[in-house]
Amino acid sequence: MALILSGKKIASEIKGEVKARIEETAAKPTLAAVIFGDDEGSLIYARSKARAADKIGINVEILQFSADIRTEEAVSIMTGISGNKAYHGIILEEPLPENIDPFPVREAINPAKDVDCTTAGNIGRIISGEPVFLPATPLAILEILKKYRIDTNGKRAVIVGRSRTVGLPLANMLLRKSPEGNATVTVCHSRTRDLSKITKSAEILIVAIGKPGFVNRDHVSKDAVVIDVGTNYIDGKLIGDVDHDSVEPVAGSLTPVPGGVGPVTVSCLLRNAYKAYRLSREM
């Protein structure tokens, strides 16, 4: 049976470290969580982040706007929020309504406040090896690997999913010359042929495709490390992208859903928020 790679203790440790820094420096970081529309998932996620932030001394203001506005109006709103010195970090909750083009809205965020690492400039800095922030979910995955002493050096890592928030930045982070990098990385997606043949070659398999139970035992080699990034709500229950019942007997280790990558992601985001506050003090 697979070793379960719980993220709860890791998340608690990271939040404890951030809380200690905030108390030591008397910092008062404030985040703006921006929502366009009334997507229930976005609101639930924003509120959960606000509760976690409050416990360690970070204030989160949830700013919700109508779904009916045009892209130009959304950009104007984001520009105003970005220029407001009261906010040290900004989180843009996605998905945005179909009538709003997300790219210019993201680009209206000041890169120094982009704690979710969503702007093109900050993503580009990951590729160049000079990041300001690292995106929270990929960073959470690396934190889990590090805490459980799972070596990535020279390992065959396969990522299922090429999203700009997880798959693409994570691939570049795993490729870096660093203790949490130096992996040989393959990125798979919806057009990949013979997917199971590729995933079974993985020593480290990371699944972030957004399809509940998509990866099963036929995709996993014996003793592989399997990281499940999926967050799918089915009948009110949170389900990952991995069919845990079939994969657990095969894998060497496996993150649970819930309680795996999710809580570490939130703690990494809060650590980025404190970093954004610190950067604002240096300007």
Foldseek 3Di string as FASTA:
>chain_A
DAAALFCPVVLVVLLVVLLVVCVVVVDQAEEEEEEEDCPPVLVVVLVVLQVSLVVSRYHYDYHYHYLPDAQVVLLVVLLVVQPDPNHLAYHYRDDHRPRHDVQSNLCSHDQLRHLQQPHPVQLVCLLVVRHPHQHLLLVLVLSSCVVVVPFQAAFEEEEEDCDPRHNVSNQSVQCDPDRSHNHRYHYHYPPDPPQLVSLQSGLEYEYDHAAFQQAFCSSHAAQHEYEWPYFDQDPNDGGTNHPCVRNVVGYHYYYDPPRGSVSSSSSSSSVSSSSSSVVSVVD
